[in-house]
Amino acid sequence: MRVISGTARGKKLSSLEGLETRPTLDRVKEALFNIIQFDIKEANVLDLFSGSGALAIEALSRGANSAVCSDSSSKAVRIINKNLEDTRLKEKSQVLNKDYLETLIKLKNESKSFNIIFLDPPYESDYIEKSIENILKYDLLAKDGIIIAETDDESKIEKLKTIKDIEIYDARKYGIVHIIFIRKG
């Protein structure tokens, strides 16, 4: 796993051993960032189920203004901090060792707003739906902001369509991975 483009291009990123996390494949990450390339410059980014921090780090490397990385695993948080230090992007980031709901409440209390929110939770969970509902409830998505969710379950796209006040404006499939692009409806 590596940073694909920008100031940290080519830097190798560490990831957790075992099955605790599932890093986004480089080819999927590259395709994703090609799609959102014009949304990244000076964006404030939230990487809610951050794992290794690869998505937030890629965004920072490509010119995002700031990133919040959050993961409930203390092992993941150590990896995120190491990767941010290795890529020299630590000063533009905040790392939280909290579950997704605690993170969203903290960010609401800090009146934060994000242009890009990455959601890559454990595939078997319903965290994408719950996260989006709370992101909207706490008004954490900027006016023209986007949410990008990753899942291996195509039926989640239909479930997401039932959430009020959002629009799925694009969905792509890469192998078993579905990337869903969402904005306020």
N, C-alpha and C. Protein backbone atom coordinates (compact mmCIF):
# COMPACT_ATOMS: atom_id res chain seq x y z
N MET A 1 0.85 -1.17 0.00
CA MET A 1 0.00 0.00 0.00
C MET A 1 0.90 1.24 0.00
N ARG A 2 0.54 2.20 -0.86
CA ARG A 2 1.39 3.38 -1.01
C ARG A 2 0.53 4.61 -1.29
N VAL A 3 1.14 5.79 -1.16
CA VAL A 3 0.48 7.03 -1.55
C VAL A 3 0.66 7.16 -3.06
N ILE A 4 -0.42 7.39 -3.78
CA ILE A 4 -0.40 7.36 -5.23
C ILE A 4 0.08 8.66 -5.86
N SER A 5 -0.34 9.81 -5.28
CA SER A 5 -0.02 11.07 -5.92
C SER A 5 0.16 12.17 -4.88
N GLY A 6 0.73 13.30 -5.33
CA GLY A 6 0.85 14.47 -4.47
C GLY A 6 2.18 14.54 -3.75
N THR A 7 2.19 15.30 -2.66
CA THR A 7 3.44 15.59 -1.94
C THR A 7 4.08 14.36 -1.32
N ALA A 8 3.28 13.35 -1.00
CA ALA A 8 3.82 12.13 -0.37
C ALA A 8 3.84 10.96 -1.36
N ARG A 9 3.79 11.27 -2.63
CA ARG A 9 3.73 10.25 -3.67
C ARG A 9 4.82 9.18 -3.50
N GLY A 10 4.39 7.93 -3.61
CA GLY A 10 5.31 6.82 -3.55
C GLY A 10 5.64 6.32 -2.15
N LYS A 11 5.27 7.09 -1.12
CA LYS A 11 5.55 6.65 0.26
C LYS A 11 4.77 5.40 0.58
N LYS A 12 5.46 4.40 1.15
CA LYS A 12 4.79 3.18 1.59
C LYS A 12 4.06 3.46 2.89
N LEU A 13 2.87 2.89 3.02
CA LEU A 13 2.09 3.03 4.24
C LEU A 13 2.03 1.70 4.97
N SER A 14 2.09 1.78 6.28
CA SER A 14 1.95 0.59 7.12
C SER A 14 0.47 0.27 7.26
N SER A 15 0.17 -1.00 7.50
CA SER A 15 -1.22 -1.39 7.77
C SER A 15 -1.21 -2.44 8.86
N LEU A 16 -2.37 -2.67 9.43
CA LEU A 16 -2.50 -3.66 10.50
C LEU A 16 -2.37 -5.06 9.95
N GLU A 17 -1.73 -5.90 10.71
CA GLU A 17 -1.63 -7.32 10.35
C GLU A 17 -2.98 -7.99 10.61
N GLY A 18 -3.26 -9.04 9.89
CA GLY A 18 -4.45 -9.83 10.16
C GLY A 18 -5.71 -9.30 9.50
N LEU A 19 -6.84 -9.69 10.05
CA LEU A 19 -8.13 -9.39 9.43
C LEU A 19 -8.87 -8.25 10.10
N GLU A 20 -8.21 -7.54 11.05
CA GLU A 20 -8.89 -6.45 11.74
C GLU A 20 -9.33 -5.34 10.80
N THR A 21 -8.50 -5.02 9.83
CA THR A 21 -8.85 -3.99 8.85
C THR A 21 -8.65 -4.55 7.46
N ARG A 22 -9.24 -3.86 6.51
CA ARG A 22 -9.18 -4.28 5.12
C ARG A 22 -8.86 -3.03 4.31
N PRO A 23 -7.58 -2.77 4.04
CA PRO A 23 -7.22 -1.54 3.33
C PRO A 23 -7.83 -1.50 1.93
N THR A 24 -8.21 -0.29 1.51
CA THR A 24 -8.70 -0.10 0.15
C THR A 24 -7.54 -0.38 -0.81
N LEU A 25 -7.78 -1.24 -1.78
CA LEU A 25 -6.74 -1.61 -2.74
C LEU A 25 -6.26 -0.38 -3.50
N ASP A 26 -4.97 -0.36 -3.85
CA ASP A 26 -4.39 0.78 -4.56
C ASP A 26 -5.15 1.10 -5.85
N ARG A 27 -5.55 0.08 -6.60
CA ARG A 27 -6.24 0.35 -7.86
C ARG A 27 -7.61 0.97 -7.63
N VAL A 28 -8.29 0.57 -6.56
CA VAL A 28 -9.59 1.16 -6.21
C VAL A 28 -9.38 2.59 -5.73
N LYS A 29 -8.36 2.77 -4.88
CA LYS A 29 -8.05 4.10 -4.36
C LYS A 29 -7.70 5.06 -5.50
N GLU A 30 -6.91 4.58 -6.44
CA GLU A 30 -6.53 5.43 -7.58
C GLU A 30 -7.75 5.82 -8.40
N ALA A 31 -8.64 4.88 -8.68
CA ALA A 31 -9.86 5.18 -9.43
C ALA A 31 -10.74 6.17 -8.66
N LEU A 32 -10.89 5.95 -7.37
CA LEU A 32 -11.69 6.84 -6.52
C LEU A 32 -11.15 8.26 -6.56
N PHE A 33 -9.84 8.41 -6.40
CA PHE A 33 -9.26 9.75 -6.37
C PHE A 33 -9.24 10.41 -7.75
N ASN A 34 -9.24 9.64 -8.81
CA ASN A 34 -9.39 10.22 -10.14
C ASN A 34 -10.79 10.82 -10.29
N ILE A 35 -11.79 10.18 -9.72
CA ILE A 35 -13.17 10.67 -9.80
C ILE A 35 -13.35 11.97 -9.01
N ILE A 36 -12.73 12.06 -7.83
CA ILE A 36 -12.95 13.24 -6.97
C ILE A 36 -11.80 14.25 -7.03
N GLN A 37 -10.93 14.12 -8.01
CA GLN A 37 -9.71 14.95 -8.05
C GLN A 37 -9.98 16.45 -7.95
N PHE A 38 -11.10 16.92 -8.48
CA PHE A 38 -11.37 18.36 -8.46
C PHE A 38 -12.07 18.80 -7.17
N ASP A 39 -12.41 17.86 -6.31
CA ASP A 39 -13.06 18.17 -5.03
C ASP A 39 -12.06 18.23 -3.87
N ILE A 40 -10.83 17.81 -4.10
CA ILE A 40 -9.87 17.61 -3.01
C ILE A 40 -9.18 18.90 -2.56
N LYS A 41 -8.80 19.75 -3.50
CA LYS A 41 -8.01 20.94 -3.19
C LYS A 41 -8.68 21.75 -2.08
N GLU A 42 -7.95 21.94 -0.98
CA GLU A 42 -8.37 22.72 0.19
C GLU A 42 -9.60 22.16 0.90
N ALA A 43 -9.93 20.90 0.68
CA ALA A 43 -11.08 20.27 1.34
C ALA A 43 -10.73 19.91 2.79
N ASN A 44 -11.76 19.89 3.61
CA ASN A 44 -11.66 19.33 4.96
C ASN A 44 -12.24 17.93 4.87
N VAL A 45 -11.46 16.95 5.31
CA VAL A 45 -11.78 15.54 5.09
C VAL A 45 -11.99 14.83 6.43
N LEU A 46 -12.98 13.94 6.44
CA LEU A 46 -13.19 13.04 7.57
C LEU A 46 -13.07 11.61 7.05
N ASP A 47 -12.18 10.84 7.66
CA ASP A 47 -12.00 9.42 7.35
C ASP A 47 -12.49 8.67 8.59
N LEU A 48 -13.77 8.26 8.58
CA LEU A 48 -14.43 7.82 9.81
C LEU A 48 -14.02 6.44 10.31
N PHE A 49 -13.79 5.51 9.43
CA PHE A 49 -13.32 4.17 9.83
C PHE A 49 -11.93 4.03 9.22
N SER A 50 -10.99 4.75 9.76
CA SER A 50 -9.75 5.09 9.08
C SER A 50 -8.79 3.93 8.84
N GLY A 51 -8.76 2.94 9.70
CA GLY A 51 -7.84 1.81 9.50
C GLY A 51 -6.39 2.24 9.52
N SER A 52 -5.77 2.38 8.37
CA SER A 52 -4.37 2.82 8.26
C SER A 52 -4.26 4.32 7.99
N GLY A 53 -5.39 4.97 7.71
CA GLY A 53 -5.38 6.39 7.37
C GLY A 53 -5.10 6.65 5.90
N ALA A 54 -5.07 5.60 5.08
CA ALA A 54 -4.65 5.73 3.68
C ALA A 54 -5.51 6.71 2.87
N LEU A 55 -6.82 6.71 3.08
CA LEU A 55 -7.68 7.60 2.30
C LEU A 55 -7.45 9.06 2.69
N ALA A 56 -7.39 9.33 3.98
CA ALA A 56 -7.14 10.70 4.43
C ALA A 56 -5.75 11.16 4.00
N ILE A 57 -4.77 10.29 4.11
CA ILE A 57 -3.40 10.64 3.71
C ILE A 57 -3.32 10.93 2.22
N GLU A 58 -4.00 10.14 1.41
CA GLU A 58 -4.03 10.40 -0.03
C GLU A 58 -4.64 11.77 -0.31
N ALA A 59 -5.74 12.09 0.39
CA ALA A 59 -6.39 13.39 0.20
C ALA A 59 -5.45 14.53 0.63
N LEU A 60 -4.79 14.39 1.77
CA LEU A 60 -3.86 15.42 2.23
C LEU A 60 -2.70 15.57 1.25
N SER A 61 -2.17 14.47 0.77
CA SER A 61 -1.06 14.50 -0.18
C SER A 61 -1.45 15.24 -1.46
N ARG A 62 -2.73 15.15 -1.82
CA ARG A 62 -3.22 15.79 -3.05
C ARG A 62 -3.75 17.21 -2.83
N GLY A 63 -3.58 17.75 -1.63
CA GLY A 63 -3.92 19.15 -1.41
C GLY A 63 -5.10 19.44 -0.51
N ALA A 64 -5.64 18.44 0.17
CA ALA A 64 -6.71 18.73 1.14
C ALA A 64 -6.15 19.62 2.24
N ASN A 65 -7.00 20.45 2.79
CA ASN A 65 -6.61 21.40 3.82
C ASN A 65 -6.34 20.71 5.16
N SER A 66 -7.23 19.78 5.53
CA SER A 66 -7.12 19.09 6.81
C SER A 66 -7.83 17.75 6.74
N ALA A 67 -7.51 16.88 7.71
CA ALA A 67 -8.18 15.59 7.79
C ALA A 67 -8.33 15.17 9.24
N VAL A 68 -9.49 14.60 9.53
CA VAL A 68 -9.71 13.94 10.81
C VAL A 68 -9.79 12.45 10.50
N CYS A 69 -8.95 11.66 11.17
CA CYS A 69 -8.95 10.21 11.05
C CYS A 69 -9.47 9.64 12.36
N SER A 70 -10.43 8.74 12.27
CA SER A 70 -10.98 8.15 13.47
C SER A 70 -11.07 6.64 13.31
N ASP A 71 -10.70 5.94 14.37
CA ASP A 71 -10.86 4.49 14.40
C ASP A 71 -11.01 4.06 15.85
N SER A 72 -11.82 3.04 16.08
CA SER A 72 -12.03 2.57 17.44
C SER A 72 -10.88 1.69 17.94
N SER A 73 -10.05 1.21 17.04
CA SER A 73 -8.93 0.34 17.40
C SER A 73 -7.69 1.16 17.76
N SER A 74 -7.17 0.93 18.96
CA SER A 74 -5.94 1.65 19.36
C SER A 74 -4.75 1.22 18.51
N LYS A 75 -4.75 -0.04 18.03
CA LYS A 75 -3.69 -0.49 17.13
C LYS A 75 -3.75 0.30 15.82
N ALA A 76 -4.95 0.49 15.28
CA ALA A 76 -5.12 1.26 14.05
C ALA A 76 -4.66 2.69 14.25
N VAL A 77 -4.99 3.28 15.38
CA VAL A 77 -4.60 4.67 15.66
C VAL A 77 -3.08 4.80 15.69
N ARG A 78 -2.39 3.82 16.23
CA ARG A 78 -0.92 3.86 16.22
C ARG A 78 -0.39 3.83 14.78
N ILE A 79 -0.98 2.98 13.95
CA ILE A 79 -0.58 2.90 12.53
C ILE A 79 -0.88 4.21 11.81
N ILE A 80 -2.05 4.79 12.05
CA ILE A 80 -2.42 6.07 11.42
C ILE A 80 -1.39 7.13 11.79
N ASN A 81 -1.08 7.25 13.07
CA ASN A 81 -0.10 8.25 13.51
C ASN A 81 1.27 8.02 12.87
N LYS A 82 1.69 6.77 12.79
CA LYS A 82 2.98 6.45 12.14
C LYS A 82 2.95 6.87 10.67
N ASN A 83 1.87 6.52 9.97
CA ASN A 83 1.77 6.87 8.55
C ASN A 83 1.73 8.38 8.34
N LEU A 84 1.05 9.10 9.21
CA LEU A 84 1.01 10.56 9.10
C LEU A 84 2.40 11.16 9.33
N GLU A 85 3.12 10.63 10.30
CA GLU A 85 4.48 11.11 10.55
C GLU A 85 5.40 10.78 9.38
N ASP A 86 5.31 9.54 8.87
CA ASP A 86 6.17 9.11 7.76
C ASP A 86 5.93 9.93 6.49
N THR A 87 4.71 10.40 6.30
CA THR A 87 4.38 11.18 5.10
C THR A 87 4.49 12.70 5.35
N ARG A 88 4.86 13.05 6.58
CA ARG A 88 5.00 14.46 6.98
C ARG A 88 3.69 15.24 6.83
N LEU A 89 2.58 14.58 7.15
CA LEU A 89 1.26 15.22 7.04
C LEU A 89 0.56 15.34 8.39
N LYS A 90 1.29 15.06 9.46
CA LYS A 90 0.72 15.05 10.81
C LYS A 90 0.12 16.41 11.20
N GLU A 91 0.79 17.50 10.82
CA GLU A 91 0.34 18.83 11.24
C GLU A 91 -1.00 19.23 10.62
N LYS A 92 -1.42 18.56 9.56
CA LYS A 92 -2.70 18.86 8.92
C LYS A 92 -3.81 17.93 9.37
N SER A 93 -3.52 17.12 10.39
CA SER A 93 -4.48 16.07 10.74
C SER A 93 -4.78 16.03 12.23
N GLN A 94 -5.89 15.40 12.53
CA GLN A 94 -6.30 15.10 13.90
C GLN A 94 -6.67 13.61 13.91
N VAL A 95 -6.19 12.88 14.90
CA VAL A 95 -6.47 11.44 14.98
C VAL A 95 -7.24 11.17 16.26
N LEU A 96 -8.37 10.49 16.10
CA LEU A 96 -9.23 10.17 17.24
C LEU A 96 -9.34 8.67 17.43
N ASN A 97 -9.21 8.23 18.67
CA ASN A 97 -9.38 6.81 19.01
C ASN A 97 -10.76 6.66 19.66
N LYS A 98 -11.79 6.70 18.80
CA LYS A 98 -13.18 6.64 19.26
C LYS A 98 -13.99 5.83 18.26
N ASP A 99 -15.13 5.32 18.72
CA ASP A 99 -16.02 4.69 17.76
C ASP A 99 -16.70 5.77 16.93
N TYR A 100 -17.33 5.36 15.84
CA TYR A 100 -17.84 6.33 14.88
C TYR A 100 -18.86 7.30 15.48
N LEU A 101 -19.74 6.82 16.34
CA LEU A 101 -20.77 7.69 16.91
C LEU A 101 -20.17 8.71 17.88
N GLU A 102 -19.23 8.27 18.72
CA GLU A 102 -18.53 9.20 19.61
C GLU A 102 -17.80 10.27 18.80
N THR A 103 -17.18 9.86 17.71
CA THR A 103 -16.47 10.80 16.84
C THR A 103 -17.44 11.83 16.26
N LEU A 104 -18.56 11.36 15.72
CA LEU A 104 -19.52 12.28 15.11
C LEU A 104 -20.07 13.28 16.14
N ILE A 105 -20.34 12.82 17.35
CA ILE A 105 -20.83 13.72 18.40
C ILE A 105 -19.76 14.74 18.76
N LYS A 106 -18.51 14.30 18.90
CA LYS A 106 -17.41 15.23 19.21
C LYS A 106 -17.27 16.29 18.12
N LEU A 107 -17.33 15.88 16.87
CA LEU A 107 -17.19 16.82 15.76
C LEU A 107 -18.36 17.79 15.69
N LYS A 108 -19.55 17.31 16.01
CA LYS A 108 -20.73 18.20 16.08
C LYS A 108 -20.51 19.25 17.16
N ASN A 109 -20.03 18.81 18.34
CA ASN A 109 -19.80 19.74 19.45
C ASN A 109 -18.71 20.77 19.13
N GLU A 110 -17.83 20.42 18.19
CA GLU A 110 -16.77 21.35 17.75
C GLU A 110 -17.20 22.15 16.53
N SER A 111 -18.48 21.99 16.11
CA SER A 111 -19.03 22.69 14.94
C SER A 111 -18.21 22.47 13.67
N LYS A 112 -17.73 21.25 13.49
CA LYS A 112 -16.94 20.92 12.30
C LYS A 112 -17.86 20.67 11.11
N SER A 113 -17.31 20.86 9.94
CA SER A 113 -18.00 20.59 8.69
C SER A 113 -16.98 20.05 7.70
N PHE A 114 -17.40 19.07 6.89
CA PHE A 114 -16.45 18.40 6.00
C PHE A 114 -16.92 18.43 4.55
N ASN A 115 -15.96 18.62 3.65
CA ASN A 115 -16.23 18.61 2.21
C ASN A 115 -16.26 17.19 1.68
N ILE A 116 -15.44 16.31 2.26
CA ILE A 116 -15.36 14.91 1.84
C ILE A 116 -15.37 14.04 3.09
N ILE A 117 -16.27 13.06 3.11
CA ILE A 117 -16.33 12.11 4.22
C ILE A 117 -16.20 10.71 3.64
N PHE A 118 -15.19 9.98 4.11
CA PHE A 118 -14.98 8.59 3.69
C PHE A 118 -15.57 7.65 4.73
N LEU A 119 -16.36 6.69 4.26
CA LEU A 119 -16.95 5.66 5.13
C LEU A 119 -16.54 4.30 4.58
N ASP A 120 -15.67 3.62 5.30
CA ASP A 120 -15.23 2.28 4.90
C ASP A 120 -15.26 1.38 6.13
N PRO A 121 -16.47 1.14 6.66
CA PRO A 121 -16.59 0.35 7.89
C PRO A 121 -16.49 -1.14 7.61
N PRO A 122 -16.48 -1.96 8.67
CA PRO A 122 -16.53 -3.41 8.45
C PRO A 122 -17.71 -3.74 7.54
N TYR A 123 -17.47 -4.59 6.56
CA TYR A 123 -18.49 -4.87 5.55
C TYR A 123 -19.78 -5.45 6.12
N GLU A 124 -19.71 -6.27 7.14
CA GLU A 124 -20.91 -6.93 7.65
C GLU A 124 -21.78 -6.02 8.51
N SER A 125 -21.37 -4.80 8.75
CA SER A 125 -22.08 -3.90 9.66
C SER A 125 -23.12 -3.05 8.92
N ASP A 126 -23.94 -2.36 9.71
CA ASP A 126 -24.88 -1.37 9.16
C ASP A 126 -24.38 0.05 9.45
N TYR A 127 -23.07 0.18 9.63
CA TYR A 127 -22.48 1.46 10.01
C TYR A 127 -22.57 2.53 8.92
N ILE A 128 -22.63 2.14 7.66
CA ILE A 128 -22.75 3.16 6.61
C ILE A 128 -24.05 3.91 6.78
N GLU A 129 -25.16 3.17 6.89
CA GLU A 129 -26.46 3.81 7.04
C GLU A 129 -26.52 4.66 8.30
N LYS A 130 -26.08 4.08 9.43
CA LYS A 130 -26.13 4.80 10.70
C LYS A 130 -25.23 6.03 10.67
N SER A 131 -24.06 5.91 10.05
CA SER A 131 -23.14 7.05 9.96
C SER A 131 -23.77 8.18 9.15
N ILE A 132 -24.33 7.85 8.00
CA ILE A 132 -24.93 8.89 7.15
C ILE A 132 -26.08 9.58 7.88
N GLU A 133 -26.92 8.80 8.54
CA GLU A 133 -28.04 9.41 9.29
C GLU A 133 -27.53 10.40 10.33
N ASN A 134 -26.47 10.03 11.05
CA ASN A 134 -25.92 10.91 12.08
C ASN A 134 -25.14 12.09 11.49
N ILE A 135 -24.45 11.87 10.38
CA ILE A 135 -23.76 12.98 9.69
C ILE A 135 -24.77 14.05 9.30
N LEU A 136 -25.91 13.64 8.78
CA LEU A 136 -26.95 14.59 8.40
C LEU A 136 -27.58 15.23 9.64
N LYS A 137 -27.87 14.43 10.63
CA LYS A 137 -28.49 14.92 11.87
C LYS A 137 -27.62 15.98 12.54
N TYR A 138 -26.30 15.76 12.54
CA TYR A 138 -25.37 16.68 13.19
C TYR A 138 -24.83 17.75 12.24
N ASP A 139 -25.32 17.76 11.00
CA ASP A 139 -24.95 18.77 10.00
C ASP A 139 -23.43 18.85 9.80
N LEU A 140 -22.79 17.69 9.62
CA LEU A 140 -21.34 17.63 9.46
C LEU A 140 -20.88 17.69 8.01
N LEU A 141 -21.80 17.54 7.07
CA LEU A 141 -21.45 17.59 5.65
C LEU A 141 -21.64 19.01 5.13
N ALA A 142 -20.58 19.56 4.57
CA ALA A 142 -20.65 20.92 4.01
C ALA A 142 -21.70 20.98 2.91
N LYS A 143 -22.12 22.18 2.57
CA LYS A 143 -23.20 22.38 1.59
C LYS A 143 -23.00 21.58 0.31
N ASP A 144 -21.84 21.66 -0.29
CA ASP A 144 -21.56 20.92 -1.52
C ASP A 144 -20.68 19.71 -1.27
N GLY A 145 -20.69 19.20 -0.03
CA GLY A 145 -19.84 18.09 0.35
C GLY A 145 -20.31 16.76 -0.20
N ILE A 146 -19.39 15.79 -0.16
CA ILE A 146 -19.71 14.44 -0.64
C ILE A 146 -19.32 13.39 0.41
N ILE A 147 -20.09 12.33 0.42
CA ILE A 147 -19.79 11.16 1.23
C ILE A 147 -19.44 10.04 0.26
N ILE A 148 -18.36 9.33 0.56
CA ILE A 148 -17.94 8.21 -0.28
C ILE A 148 -17.90 6.98 0.60
N ALA A 149 -18.75 6.00 0.26
CA ALA A 149 -18.87 4.79 1.07
C ALA A 149 -18.37 3.59 0.28
N GLU A 150 -17.71 2.67 1.00
CA GLU A 150 -17.22 1.44 0.37
C GLU A 150 -17.89 0.25 1.03
N THR A 151 -18.37 -0.68 0.20
CA THR A 151 -19.01 -1.89 0.70
C THR A 151 -18.80 -3.03 -0.30
N ASP A 152 -19.06 -4.24 0.16
CA ASP A 152 -19.03 -5.39 -0.75
C ASP A 152 -20.45 -5.90 -1.01
N ASP A 153 -21.44 -5.16 -0.51
CA ASP A 153 -22.84 -5.59 -0.58
C ASP A 153 -23.64 -4.63 -1.47
N GLU A 154 -23.94 -5.08 -2.68
CA GLU A 154 -24.67 -4.23 -3.63
C GLU A 154 -26.04 -3.82 -3.10
N SER A 155 -26.65 -4.64 -2.26
CA SER A 155 -27.97 -4.30 -1.72
C SER A 155 -27.93 -3.07 -0.81
N LYS A 156 -26.73 -2.71 -0.32
CA LYS A 156 -26.61 -1.50 0.51
C LYS A 156 -26.94 -0.25 -0.29
N ILE A 157 -26.71 -0.29 -1.58
CA ILE A 157 -27.03 0.86 -2.42
C ILE A 157 -28.53 1.13 -2.34
N GLU A 158 -29.34 0.07 -2.44
CA GLU A 158 -30.81 0.22 -2.35
C GLU A 158 -31.22 0.70 -0.97
N LYS A 159 -30.58 0.18 0.08
CA LYS A 159 -30.89 0.63 1.44
C LYS A 159 -30.58 2.10 1.61
N LEU A 160 -29.46 2.55 1.03
CA LEU A 160 -29.08 3.95 1.15
C LEU A 160 -30.07 4.87 0.45
N LYS A 161 -30.70 4.38 -0.60
CA LYS A 161 -31.68 5.19 -1.33
C LYS A 161 -32.90 5.52 -0.48
N THR A 162 -33.10 4.78 0.60
CA THR A 162 -34.25 5.04 1.47
C THR A 162 -33.96 6.13 2.50
N ILE A 163 -32.69 6.54 2.63
CA ILE A 163 -32.35 7.59 3.59
C ILE A 163 -32.80 8.93 3.03
N LYS A 164 -33.56 9.63 3.82
CA LYS A 164 -34.10 10.93 3.43
C LYS A 164 -32.98 11.97 3.30
N ASP A 165 -33.13 12.86 2.37
CA ASP A 165 -32.24 14.02 2.19
C ASP A 165 -30.86 13.71 1.62
N ILE A 166 -30.68 12.53 0.98
CA ILE A 166 -29.42 12.27 0.29
C ILE A 166 -29.71 11.84 -1.14
N GLU A 167 -28.70 11.98 -1.97
CA GLU A 167 -28.78 11.54 -3.36
C GLU A 167 -27.53 10.72 -3.66
N ILE A 168 -27.73 9.52 -4.18
CA ILE A 168 -26.60 8.73 -4.68
C ILE A 168 -26.41 9.18 -6.12
N TYR A 169 -25.30 9.87 -6.38
CA TYR A 169 -25.11 10.42 -7.72
C TYR A 169 -24.16 9.58 -8.57
N ASP A 170 -23.53 8.58 -7.97
CA ASP A 170 -22.68 7.68 -8.74
C ASP A 170 -22.40 6.45 -7.89
N ALA A 171 -22.20 5.32 -8.53
CA ALA A 171 -21.79 4.09 -7.86
C ALA A 171 -20.93 3.31 -8.85
N ARG A 172 -19.79 2.82 -8.38
CA ARG A 172 -18.87 2.09 -9.23
C ARG A 172 -18.55 0.76 -8.57
N LYS A 173 -18.24 -0.23 -9.41
CA LYS A 173 -17.88 -1.55 -8.90
C LYS A 173 -16.48 -1.90 -9.38
N TYR A 174 -15.64 -2.34 -8.44
CA TYR A 174 -14.28 -2.77 -8.72
C TYR A 174 -14.12 -4.15 -8.07
N GLY A 175 -14.22 -5.21 -8.86
CA GLY A 175 -14.20 -6.56 -8.29
C GLY A 175 -15.43 -6.74 -7.40
N ILE A 176 -15.20 -7.06 -6.13
CA ILE A 176 -16.34 -7.19 -5.21
C ILE A 176 -16.67 -5.88 -4.50
N VAL A 177 -15.85 -4.86 -4.70
CA VAL A 177 -16.00 -3.59 -3.98
C VAL A 177 -16.93 -2.64 -4.73
N HIS A 178 -17.87 -2.06 -3.99
CA HIS A 178 -18.75 -1.02 -4.51
C HIS A 178 -18.38 0.29 -3.84
N ILE A 179 -18.14 1.32 -4.65
CA ILE A 179 -17.87 2.65 -4.15
C ILE A 179 -19.11 3.49 -4.47
N ILE A 180 -19.70 4.09 -3.43
CA ILE A 180 -20.96 4.82 -3.58
C ILE A 180 -20.70 6.29 -3.27
N PHE A 181 -21.11 7.18 -4.18
CA PHE A 181 -20.89 8.62 -4.05
C PHE A 181 -22.23 9.27 -3.71
N ILE A 182 -22.23 10.01 -2.60
CA ILE A 182 -23.47 10.54 -2.03
C ILE A 182 -23.32 12.02 -1.76
N ARG A 183 -24.40 12.77 -1.98
CA ARG A 183 -24.43 14.18 -1.58
C ARG A 183 -25.81 14.47 -1.01
N LYS A 184 -25.94 15.65 -0.44
CA LYS A 184 -27.25 16.03 0.09
C LYS A 184 -28.24 16.12 -1.06
N GLY A 185 -29.45 15.65 -0.81
CA GLY A 185 -30.46 15.62 -1.85
C GLY A 185 -31.37 16.82 -1.82
